[in-house]
Amino acid sequence: MQITLNDIGRRFNRDWIFRNINYTFISGSSYAILGPNGSGKSTLLQIIAGSLSASAGTINYHDTDREIEGSHIFNYLSVAAPYLELIEEFTLAEQIDFHFRFKKFYPGVTVATLIALLGLEKAKHKYIKHFSSGMKQRVRLALAFCSDTPLLLLDEPTSNLDSQGEAWYLQLIQHYTANRLVIIGSNQQNEYAFCDHRLQIGDYK
């Protein structure tokens, strides 16, 4: 997969958050979008995901030799972000079942292996609303990594995770990102130290 940003900009009212971003993301590489809180990292990720429109510029998506319509890009991506809500009234097992009605499992992953990966075998019938913030973030990450999509978008992936959770996140990176396009929005070096490329959002103010 290849994603090309052509003079992308976004503004709120009269203030530009960023503008004139020209950049290409290519599968098999990992990219970090860097900047302090409020700099526009999440906004750019949402534009790439197609959930937010750009105020200026265009985005082109290609998978092998064919172009992907922007309105269809959701079929090719998985997202994990602390602000994405899980369905609180579902149990863990129900949440997993619901998610994978829309996505295919990453090769070799099943419901059982995903729950084992989370280390939540005893909580599979527990309601999400009773999970801690750290458990919820683990679920978000596991669902994204274990979906068979060429594009993986991660926004502040270790939010609400302790040191053990951060190590677990890095294991996911090692085992579930081969040949995928990974884009991470972060200002924490431990989240993106492995990335091949860095885009400083502050360069586009």
C-alpha atoms as a PDB file:
ATOM      1  CA  MET A   1       0.000   0.000   0.000  1.00  0.00           C
ATOM      2  CA  GLN A   2       1.057   3.563  -0.696  1.00  0.00           C
ATOM      3  CA  ILE A   3      -0.499   6.769   0.638  1.00  0.00           C
ATOM      4  CA  THR A   4       0.456  10.118  -0.853  1.00  0.00           C
ATOM      5  CA  LEU A   5      -0.378  13.437   0.782  1.00  0.00           C
ATOM      6  CA  ASN A   6      -0.532  16.343  -1.654  1.00  0.00           C
ATOM      7  CA  ASP A   7      -0.417  19.805  -0.022  1.00  0.00           C
ATOM      8  CA  ILE A   8      -2.583  18.594   2.839  1.00  0.00           C
ATOM      9  CA  GLY A   9      -3.743  21.225   5.315  1.00  0.00           C
ATOM     10  CA  ARG A  10      -6.324  21.472   8.058  1.00  0.00           C
ATOM     11  CA  ARG A  11      -7.660  24.538   9.794  1.00  0.00           C
ATOM     12  CA  PHE A  12     -10.169  25.248  12.528  1.00  0.00           C
ATOM     13  CA  ASN A  13     -11.958  28.508  11.936  1.00  0.00           C
ATOM     14  CA  ARG A  14      -9.215  30.788  10.589  1.00  0.00           C
ATOM     15  CA  ASP A  15      -6.272  29.062  12.267  1.00  0.00           C
ATOM     16  CA  TRP A  16      -4.235  26.529  10.304  1.00  0.00           C
ATOM     17  CA  ILE A  17      -3.248  23.492  12.381  1.00  0.00           C
ATOM     18  CA  PHE A  18      -0.851  22.444   9.628  1.00  0.00           C
ATOM     19  CA  ARG A  19      -0.593  23.069   5.902  1.00  0.00           C
ATOM     20  CA  ASN A  20       1.295  22.103   2.722  1.00  0.00           C
ATOM     21  CA  ILE A  21       2.165  18.573   3.831  1.00  0.00           C
ATOM     22  CA  ASN A  22       3.610  16.602   0.933  1.00  0.00           C
ATOM     23  CA  TYR A  23       4.571  13.123   2.050  1.00  0.00           C
ATOM     24  CA  THR A  24       4.430   9.496   0.908  1.00  0.00           C
ATOM     25  CA  PHE A  25       3.903   6.470   3.158  1.00  0.00           C
ATOM     26  CA  ILE A  26       4.850   3.035   1.782  1.00  0.00           C
ATOM     27  CA  SER A  27       4.045  -0.479   3.038  1.00  0.00           C
ATOM     28  CA  GLY A  28       6.779  -2.359   4.816  1.00  0.00           C
ATOM     29  CA  SER A  29       7.921   0.778   6.640  1.00  0.00           C
ATOM     30  CA  SER A  30       6.927   2.399   9.924  1.00  0.00           C
ATOM     31  CA  TYR A  31       6.373   6.135  10.332  1.00  0.00           C
ATOM     32  CA  ALA A  32       6.096   8.379  13.377  1.00  0.00           C
ATOM     33  CA  ILE A  33       4.112  11.609  13.290  1.00  0.00           C
ATOM     34  CA  LEU A  34       5.719  13.690  16.019  1.00  0.00           C
ATOM     35  CA  GLY A  35       4.841  16.836  17.909  1.00  0.00           C
ATOM     36  CA  PRO A  36       3.695  18.089  21.315  1.00  0.00           C
ATOM     37  CA  ASN A  37       0.139  17.715  22.572  1.00  0.00           C
ATOM     38  CA  GLY A  38      -2.273  19.785  20.515  1.00  0.00           C
ATOM     39  CA  SER A  39       0.058  20.043  17.533  1.00  0.00           C
ATOM     40  CA  GLY A  40      -2.233  18.160  15.140  1.00  0.00           C
ATOM     41  CA  LYS A  41      -0.933  14.587  15.210  1.00  0.00           C
ATOM     42  CA  SER A  42      -4.345  13.041  15.868  1.00  0.00           C
ATOM     43  CA  THR A  43      -5.942  15.338  13.306  1.00  0.00           C
ATOM     44  CA  LEU A  44      -3.522  14.191  10.597  1.00  0.00           C
ATOM     45  CA  LEU A  45      -4.088  10.531  11.495  1.00  0.00           C
ATOM     46  CA  GLN A  46      -7.846  11.045  11.232  1.00  0.00           C
ATOM     47  CA  ILE A  47      -7.413  12.645   7.816  1.00  0.00           C
ATOM     48  CA  ILE A  48      -5.304   9.685   6.660  1.00  0.00           C
ATOM     49  CA  ALA A  49      -7.988   7.340   8.018  1.00  0.00           C
ATOM     50  CA  GLY A  50     -10.666   9.180   6.074  1.00  0.00           C
ATOM     51  CA  SER A  51     -12.675  10.043   9.186  1.00  0.00           C
ATOM     52  CA  LEU A  52     -11.869  13.763   8.886  1.00  0.00           C
ATOM     53  CA  SER A  53     -11.647  15.826   5.714  1.00  0.00           C
ATOM     54  CA  ALA A  54      -8.692  18.016   4.867  1.00  0.00           C
ATOM     55  CA  SER A  55      -9.245  21.759   4.499  1.00  0.00           C
ATOM     56  CA  ALA A  56      -6.777  21.813   1.614  1.00  0.00           C
ATOM     57  CA  GLY A  57      -4.996  19.293  -0.584  1.00  0.00           C
ATOM     58  CA  THR A  58      -5.714  15.714  -1.612  1.00  0.00           C
ATOM     59  CA  ILE A  59      -4.804  12.170  -0.559  1.00  0.00           C
ATOM     60  CA  ASN A  60      -4.169   9.279  -2.946  1.00  0.00           C
ATOM     61  CA  TYR A  61      -4.357   5.655  -1.799  1.00  0.00           C
ATOM     62  CA  HIS A  62      -2.911   2.777  -3.808  1.00  0.00           C
ATOM     63  CA  ASP A  63      -2.902  -0.947  -3.084  1.00  0.00           C
ATOM     64  CA  THR A  64      -0.451  -2.749  -5.407  1.00  0.00           C
ATOM     65  CA  ASP A  65      -1.350  -1.379  -8.867  1.00  0.00           C
ATOM     66  CA  ARG A  66      -4.813   0.000  -8.248  1.00  0.00           C
ATOM     67  CA  GLU A  67      -6.139   3.170  -6.725  1.00  0.00           C
ATOM     68  CA  ILE A  68      -8.418   3.005  -3.693  1.00  0.00           C
ATOM     69  CA  GLU A  69     -11.297   5.419  -3.380  1.00  0.00           C
ATOM     70  CA  GLY A  70     -10.982   7.513  -0.230  1.00  0.00           C
ATOM     71  CA  SER A  71     -14.489   6.486   0.804  1.00  0.00           C
ATOM     72  CA  HIS A  72     -13.358   2.833   0.847  1.00  0.00           C
ATOM     73  CA  ILE A  73     -10.105   3.208   2.774  1.00  0.00           C
ATOM     74  CA  PHE A  74     -11.766   2.005   5.991  1.00  0.00           C
ATOM     75  CA  ASN A  75     -11.721  -1.499   4.511  1.00  0.00           C
ATOM     76  CA  TYR A  76      -7.914  -1.420   4.457  1.00  0.00           C
ATOM     77  CA  LEU A  77      -7.066  -0.024   7.867  1.00  0.00           C
ATOM     78  CA  SER A  78      -7.156  -0.735  11.580  1.00  0.00           C
ATOM     79  CA  VAL A  79      -6.972   2.003  14.200  1.00  0.00           C
ATOM     80  CA  ALA A  80      -6.105   2.043  17.894  1.00  0.00           C
ATOM     81  CA  ALA A  81      -6.447   5.267  19.881  1.00  0.00           C
ATOM     82  CA  PRO A  82      -7.398   5.992  23.510  1.00  0.00           C
ATOM     83  CA  TYR A  83     -10.325   8.168  22.395  1.00  0.00           C
ATOM     84  CA  LEU A  84     -11.949   5.374  20.354  1.00  0.00           C
ATOM     85  CA  GLU A  85     -14.809   3.935  22.375  1.00  0.00           C
ATOM     86  CA  LEU A  86     -15.372   0.241  22.919  1.00  0.00           C
ATOM     87  CA  ILE A  87     -18.949  -0.968  23.376  1.00  0.00           C
ATOM     88  CA  GLU A  88     -19.304  -0.877  27.144  1.00  0.00           C
ATOM     89  CA  GLU A  89     -22.380  -3.124  27.209  1.00  0.00           C
ATOM     90  CA  PHE A  90     -20.518  -5.959  25.466  1.00  0.00           C
ATOM     91  CA  THR A  91     -18.459  -8.621  27.163  1.00  0.00           C
ATOM     92  CA  LEU A  92     -14.910  -9.065  25.885  1.00  0.00           C
ATOM     93  CA  ALA A  93     -15.986 -12.095  23.834  1.00  0.00           C
ATOM     94  CA  GLU A  94     -18.892 -10.133  22.340  1.00  0.00           C
ATOM     95  CA  GLN A  95     -16.639  -7.171  21.520  1.00  0.00           C
ATOM     96  CA  ILE A  96     -14.222  -9.440  19.676  1.00  0.00           C
ATOM     97  CA  ASP A  97     -17.035 -11.180  17.803  1.00  0.00           C
ATOM     98  CA  PHE A  98     -18.543  -7.840  16.781  1.00  0.00           C
ATOM     99  CA  HIS A  99     -15.217  -6.390  15.610  1.00  0.00           C
ATOM    100  CA  PHE A 100     -14.429  -9.379  13.411  1.00  0.00           C
ATOM    101  CA  ARG A 101     -17.738  -9.207  11.637  1.00  0.00           C
ATOM    102  CA  PHE A 102     -16.112  -6.299   9.793  1.00  0.00           C
ATOM    103  CA  LYS A 103     -12.454  -7.370   9.697  1.00  0.00           C
ATOM    104  CA  LYS A 104     -10.635 -10.609   8.965  1.00  0.00           C
ATOM    105  CA  PHE A 105      -8.303 -12.148  11.520  1.00  0.00           C
ATOM    106  CA  TYR A 106      -4.573 -11.688  11.022  1.00  0.00           C
ATOM    107  CA  PRO A 107      -3.177 -15.027   9.759  1.00  0.00           C
ATOM    108  CA  GLY A 108      -2.866 -17.526  12.598  1.00  0.00           C
ATOM    109  CA  VAL A 109      -5.070 -15.564  15.010  1.00  0.00           C
ATOM    110  CA  THR A 110      -8.340 -16.900  16.416  1.00  0.00           C
ATOM    111  CA  VAL A 111     -10.687 -15.680  19.125  1.00  0.00           C
ATOM    112  CA  ALA A 112      -8.949 -17.971  21.614  1.00  0.00           C
ATOM    113  CA  THR A 113      -5.421 -16.854  20.688  1.00  0.00           C
ATOM    114  CA  LEU A 114      -6.455 -13.191  20.827  1.00  0.00           C
ATOM    115  CA  ILE A 115      -7.892 -13.571  24.321  1.00  0.00           C
ATOM    116  CA  ALA A 116      -4.752 -15.451  25.357  1.00  0.00           C
ATOM    117  CA  LEU A 117      -2.633 -12.683  23.847  1.00  0.00           C
ATOM    118  CA  LEU A 118      -4.500 -10.231  26.064  1.00  0.00           C
ATOM    119  CA  GLY A 119      -4.026 -12.502  29.071  1.00  0.00           C
ATOM    120  CA  LEU A 120      -7.731 -12.111  29.837  1.00  0.00           C
ATOM    121  CA  GLU A 121      -9.015 -15.683  29.635  1.00  0.00           C
ATOM    122  CA  LYS A 122     -10.801 -15.270  32.976  1.00  0.00           C
ATOM    123  CA  ALA A 123     -12.397 -12.009  31.854  1.00  0.00           C
ATOM    124  CA  LYS A 124     -13.798 -13.038  28.469  1.00  0.00           C
ATOM    125  CA  HIS A 125     -17.365 -12.891  29.817  1.00  0.00           C
ATOM    126  CA  LYS A 126     -16.764  -9.698  31.794  1.00  0.00           C
ATOM    127  CA  TYR A 127     -18.442  -6.524  30.570  1.00  0.00           C
ATOM    128  CA  ILE A 128     -16.135  -3.959  28.978  1.00  0.00           C
ATOM    129  CA  LYS A 129     -17.594  -1.253  31.248  1.00  0.00           C
ATOM    130  CA  HIS A 130     -15.947  -3.006  34.187  1.00  0.00           C
ATOM    131  CA  PHE A 131     -12.491  -3.037  32.589  1.00  0.00           C
ATOM    132  CA  SER A 132      -9.783  -0.653  33.772  1.00  0.00           C
ATOM    133  CA  SER A 133      -8.478   2.004  31.385  1.00  0.00           C
ATOM    134  CA  GLY A 134      -5.350  -0.084  30.846  1.00  0.00           C
ATOM    135  CA  MET A 135      -7.351  -3.210  30.005  1.00  0.00           C
ATOM    136  CA  LYS A 136      -9.457  -1.239  27.533  1.00  0.00           C
ATOM    137  CA  GLN A 137      -6.348   0.098  25.812  1.00  0.00           C
ATOM    138  CA  ARG A 138      -4.963  -3.426  25.533  1.00  0.00           C
ATOM    139  CA  VAL A 139      -8.218  -4.517  23.880  1.00  0.00           C
ATOM    140  CA  ARG A 140      -8.045  -1.614  21.393  1.00  0.00           C
ATOM    141  CA  LEU A 141      -4.480  -2.505  20.479  1.00  0.00           C
ATOM    142  CA  ALA A 142      -5.118  -6.239  20.189  1.00  0.00           C
ATOM    143  CA  LEU A 143      -8.132  -5.716  17.923  1.00  0.00           C
ATOM    144  CA  ALA A 144      -6.121  -3.430  15.640  1.00  0.00           C
ATOM    145  CA  PHE A 145      -2.965  -5.533  15.464  1.00  0.00           C
ATOM    146  CA  CYS A 146      -4.880  -8.795  15.008  1.00  0.00           C
ATOM    147  CA  SER A 147      -6.963  -7.500  12.091  1.00  0.00           C
ATOM    148  CA  ASP A 148      -5.698  -8.470   8.666  1.00  0.00           C
ATOM    149  CA  THR A 149      -5.325  -4.994   7.164  1.00  0.00           C
ATOM    150  CA  PRO A 150      -2.394  -3.514   5.225  1.00  0.00           C
ATOM    151  CA  LEU A 151      -2.594  -0.201   7.117  1.00  0.00           C
ATOM    152  CA  LEU A 152      -2.220   0.143  10.889  1.00  0.00           C
ATOM    153  CA  LEU A 153      -2.782   3.555  12.507  1.00  0.00           C
ATOM    154  CA  LEU A 154      -1.806   3.989  16.155  1.00  0.00           C
ATOM    155  CA  ASP A 155      -2.419   7.170  18.130  1.00  0.00           C
ATOM    156  CA  GLU A 156      -0.645   7.388  21.494  1.00  0.00           C
ATOM    157  CA  PRO A 157      -0.621   3.579  21.682  1.00  0.00           C
ATOM    158  CA  THR A 158       0.743   3.188  25.227  1.00  0.00           C
ATOM    159  CA  SER A 159      -1.753   5.575  26.844  1.00  0.00           C
ATOM    160  CA  ASN A 160      -2.963   4.092  30.145  1.00  0.00           C
ATOM    161  CA  LEU A 161      -0.454   1.225  29.960  1.00  0.00           C
ATOM    162  CA  ASP A 162       2.042   0.445  32.693  1.00  0.00           C
ATOM    163  CA  SER A 163       5.621  -0.659  32.001  1.00  0.00           C
ATOM    164  CA  GLN A 164       4.496  -4.261  31.494  1.00  0.00           C
ATOM    165  CA  GLY A 165       1.867  -3.075  29.028  1.00  0.00           C
ATOM    166  CA  GLU A 166       4.443  -1.008  27.158  1.00  0.00           C
ATOM    167  CA  ALA A 167       6.644  -4.094  26.756  1.00  0.00           C
ATOM    168  CA  TRP A 168       3.591  -6.035  25.540  1.00  0.00           C
ATOM    169  CA  TYR A 169       2.927  -3.318  22.946  1.00  0.00           C
ATOM    170  CA  LEU A 170       6.463  -3.646  21.603  1.00  0.00           C
ATOM    171  CA  GLN A 171       5.935  -7.410  21.285  1.00  0.00           C
ATOM    172  CA  LEU A 172       2.845  -6.714  19.169  1.00  0.00           C
ATOM    173  CA  ILE A 173       4.947  -4.458  16.959  1.00  0.00           C
ATOM    174  CA  GLN A 174       7.495  -7.230  16.523  1.00  0.00           C
ATOM    175  CA  HIS A 175       4.995  -9.985  15.705  1.00  0.00           C
ATOM    176  CA  TYR A 176       2.144  -8.308  13.813  1.00  0.00           C
ATOM    177  CA  THR A 177       3.579  -5.600  11.547  1.00  0.00           C
ATOM    178  CA  ALA A 178       5.518  -7.489   8.865  1.00  0.00           C
ATOM    179  CA  ASN A 179       4.836  -6.006   5.412  1.00  0.00           C
ATOM    180  CA  ARG A 180       2.238  -3.604   6.833  1.00  0.00           C
ATOM    181  CA  LEU A 181       2.234   0.170   6.657  1.00  0.00           C
ATOM    182  CA  VAL A 182       2.413   1.409  10.263  1.00  0.00           C
ATOM    183  CA  ILE A 183       1.833   5.066  11.154  1.00  0.00           C
ATOM    184  CA  ILE A 184       2.093   6.195  14.778  1.00  0.00           C
ATOM    185  CA  GLY A 185       1.124   9.536  16.280  1.00  0.00           C
ATOM    186  CA  SER A 186       3.211  10.076  19.388  1.00  0.00           C
ATOM    187  CA  ASN A 187       5.374  12.285  21.573  1.00  0.00           C
ATOM    188  CA  GLN A 188       6.724   9.362  23.631  1.00  0.00           C
ATOM    189  CA  GLN A 189       9.965   7.940  22.256  1.00  0.00           C
ATOM    190  CA  ASN A 190       9.296   4.440  23.572  1.00  0.00           C
ATOM    191  CA  GLU A 191       6.236   4.275  21.289  1.00  0.00           C
ATOM    192  CA  TYR A 192       8.090   5.049  18.055  1.00  0.00           C
ATOM    193  CA  ALA A 193      11.818   4.388  18.594  1.00  0.00           C
ATOM    194  CA  PHE A 194      11.706   1.532  16.059  1.00  0.00           C
ATOM    195  CA  CYS A 195      10.144   3.686  13.288  1.00  0.00           C
ATOM    196  CA  ASP A 196      12.061   4.023  10.036  1.00  0.00           C
ATOM    197  CA  HIS A 197      10.814   7.549   9.274  1.00  0.00           C
ATOM    198  CA  ARG A 198       9.668  10.606  11.279  1.00  0.00           C
ATOM    199  CA  LEU A 199       7.380  13.436  10.220  1.00  0.00           C
ATOM    200  CA  GLN A 200       7.580  16.512  12.453  1.00  0.00           C
ATOM    201  CA  ILE A 201       4.172  18.161  12.400  1.00  0.00           C
ATOM    202  CA  GLY A 202       5.753  21.408  13.528  1.00  0.00           C
ATOM    203  CA  ASP A 203       7.529  21.693  10.168  1.00  0.00           C
ATOM    204  CA  TYR A 204       4.178  22.349   8.497  1.00  0.00           C
ATOM    205  CA  LYS A 205       2.799  25.263  10.493  1.00  0.00           C
END
